[in-house]
Every structure is written in structure tokens, then in C-alpha cells.
Amino acid sequence: MSATTEHAADAHDAHDDQHAHEEHHVPKDAYFIKTALVLAVLTALETSTYWIDIGRFHTPVLIILMLIKFFMIVMIFMHLKFDSRIFSMLFYTGLGLALFVYTVFLFTFKFFQA
């Protein structure tokens, strides 16, 4: 075999290995359906807080449910769970900066004072 043929065969094998590696990380449709059902249940819990009086725990419960849903959507449907870590870091850096600016805004207008 010539060097060119060996190099082409190696490149083809590397491409097949990469393709097999990518297929390993792609979940089945059932995974997304189960995730959607969990999100539907969490949404039903959120909307039930309009009819069920839980007193002063109303806002913390809604915030916790919101955070759970947010991270499920980001990690699964936006594929951050399956992508390179640099994309996750870029996303979380932007999220952290946005939360910081929003918090400073709320403190500026004395939102947290009773």
C-alpha cells in the first residue's frame, strides 16, 4: 500500500470512529418524550399554585420550579449536556452576567426591602 492510500484509510477510520462517538451521545426519542412529560407535570404544579394557597411559600416554590424547568430545558433541549464544555461555559457566563445586572437593578430600586 502506498502512503497516500494508508493516510486515506486512516482518515476514513477516524471519521467512522467520530461518527460512532457522536451517535453514542444522541438520546432516543423516548428520552425527549419523558423529559417533556416531566416538564408538563412541573408546569401543572406551577399553575396549581394559583388555586392552592400555600401562603408565604408561594414565591420560593415558583422560583424553585422555574429553576428546575430552566435547567432541564437548557441541558436537554439546547443540547448543552451533549455539546462541548466551551459552549456551556459561554452560556453560563452570559447567564451569570445577566443575573448580576438584574440583581443590581432590583437593589437599585429597593425591590428587596419590605
Protein backbone atom coordinates (compact mmCIF):
# COMPACT_ATOMS: atom_id res chain seq x y z
CA MET A 1 0.00 0.00 0.00
CA SER A 2 1.20 3.47 -0.70
CA ALA A 3 1.45 6.21 1.94
CA THR A 4 -1.43 8.10 0.32
CA THR A 5 -3.73 5.09 0.48
CA GLU A 6 -2.81 4.38 4.12
CA HIS A 7 -3.42 8.03 5.05
CA ALA A 8 -6.83 8.00 3.35
CA ALA A 9 -7.75 4.74 5.11
CA ASP A 10 -6.68 6.19 8.49
CA ALA A 11 -8.70 9.35 7.88
CA HIS A 12 -11.74 7.25 6.93
CA ASP A 13 -11.40 5.12 10.09
CA ALA A 14 -11.06 8.26 12.23
CA HIS A 15 -14.20 9.68 10.62
CA ASP A 16 -16.11 6.44 11.34
CA ASP A 17 -14.92 6.49 14.97
CA GLN A 18 -16.02 10.12 15.36
CA HIS A 19 -19.41 9.37 13.80
CA ALA A 20 -19.91 6.38 16.12
CA HIS A 21 -18.90 8.55 19.08
CA GLU A 22 -21.45 11.22 18.10
CA GLU A 23 -24.24 8.65 17.76
CA HIS A 24 -23.48 7.38 21.26
CA HIS A 25 -24.33 10.78 22.77
CA VAL A 26 -27.60 11.33 20.91
CA PRO A 27 -30.52 10.17 23.09
CA LYS A 28 -33.52 8.33 21.74
CA ASP A 29 -36.89 9.98 21.14
CA ALA A 30 -38.30 8.33 24.27
CA TYR A 31 -35.81 10.34 26.37
CA PHE A 32 -37.19 13.61 24.99
CA ILE A 33 -40.78 12.45 25.43
CA LYS A 34 -40.14 11.56 29.10
CA THR A 35 -38.48 14.95 29.58
CA ALA A 36 -41.49 16.70 28.03
CA LEU A 37 -43.82 14.80 30.36
CA VAL A 38 -41.76 15.83 33.40
CA LEU A 39 -41.87 19.43 32.20
CA ALA A 40 -45.66 19.17 31.76
CA VAL A 41 -46.05 17.91 35.34
CA LEU A 42 -43.85 20.73 36.66
CA THR A 43 -45.90 23.26 34.68
CA ALA A 44 -49.10 21.78 36.13
CA LEU A 45 -47.62 22.21 39.63
CA GLU A 46 -46.73 25.81 38.84
CA THR A 47 -50.18 26.66 37.58
CA SER A 48 -51.83 24.89 40.52
CA THR A 49 -50.29 27.47 42.85
CA TYR A 50 -52.90 29.93 41.57
CA TRP A 51 -55.69 27.88 43.15
CA ILE A 52 -53.87 26.37 46.14
CA ASP A 53 -52.94 28.84 48.85
CA ILE A 54 -49.50 27.96 50.22
CA GLY A 55 -49.03 31.27 51.98
CA ARG A 56 -45.61 32.84 52.09
CA PHE A 57 -44.01 29.83 50.34
CA HIS A 58 -45.70 30.79 47.07
CA THR A 59 -42.78 32.70 45.57
CA PRO A 60 -39.98 30.32 46.68
CA VAL A 61 -41.88 27.31 45.31
CA LEU A 62 -42.40 29.05 41.97
CA ILE A 63 -38.73 30.06 41.78
CA ILE A 64 -37.56 26.51 42.54
CA LEU A 65 -39.90 25.02 39.93
CA MET A 66 -38.79 27.67 37.43
CA LEU A 67 -35.11 26.85 38.01
CA ILE A 68 -35.68 23.12 37.62
CA LYS A 69 -37.53 23.65 34.35
CA PHE A 70 -34.94 26.14 33.10
CA PHE A 71 -32.01 23.81 33.64
CA MET A 72 -33.87 20.83 32.17
CA ILE A 73 -34.63 22.78 29.01
CA VAL A 74 -31.15 24.23 28.71
CA MET A 75 -29.29 20.99 29.36
CA ILE A 76 -31.51 18.69 27.31
CA PHE A 77 -33.32 20.58 24.56
CA MET A 78 -30.50 23.06 23.92
CA HIS A 79 -28.09 20.07 23.95
CA LEU A 80 -25.59 21.68 26.34
CA LYS A 81 -25.41 18.32 28.08
CA PHE A 82 -24.14 16.72 24.89
CA ASP A 83 -22.03 19.56 23.41
CA SER A 84 -18.55 20.81 24.09
CA ARG A 85 -17.90 22.31 27.52
CA ILE A 86 -16.90 25.65 25.95
CA PHE A 87 -20.49 26.19 24.80
CA SER A 88 -21.73 25.50 28.31
CA MET A 89 -19.18 27.91 29.78
CA LEU A 90 -20.18 30.64 27.32
CA PHE A 91 -23.84 30.15 28.14
CA TYR A 92 -23.34 30.14 31.90
CA THR A 93 -21.04 33.17 31.77
CA GLY A 94 -23.73 35.14 29.93
CA LEU A 95 -26.38 33.86 32.33
CA GLY A 96 -24.27 34.87 35.34
CA LEU A 97 -23.69 38.36 33.95
CA ALA A 98 -27.40 38.79 33.20
CA LEU A 99 -28.35 37.69 36.72
CA PHE A 100 -25.78 40.06 38.21
CA VAL A 101 -27.12 43.03 36.21
CA TYR A 102 -30.73 42.12 37.06
CA THR A 103 -29.91 41.82 40.77
CA VAL A 104 -28.12 45.18 40.79
CA PHE A 105 -31.15 46.69 39.05
CA LEU A 106 -33.51 45.28 41.69
CA PHE A 107 -31.31 46.54 44.55
CA THR A 108 -31.14 49.97 42.92
CA PHE A 109 -34.90 50.28 43.07
CA LYS A 110 -35.02 48.82 46.60
CA PHE A 111 -37.08 45.84 45.47
CA PHE A 112 -35.89 43.57 48.29
CA GLN A 113 -36.80 45.94 51.13
CA ALA A 114 -40.13 45.33 52.78
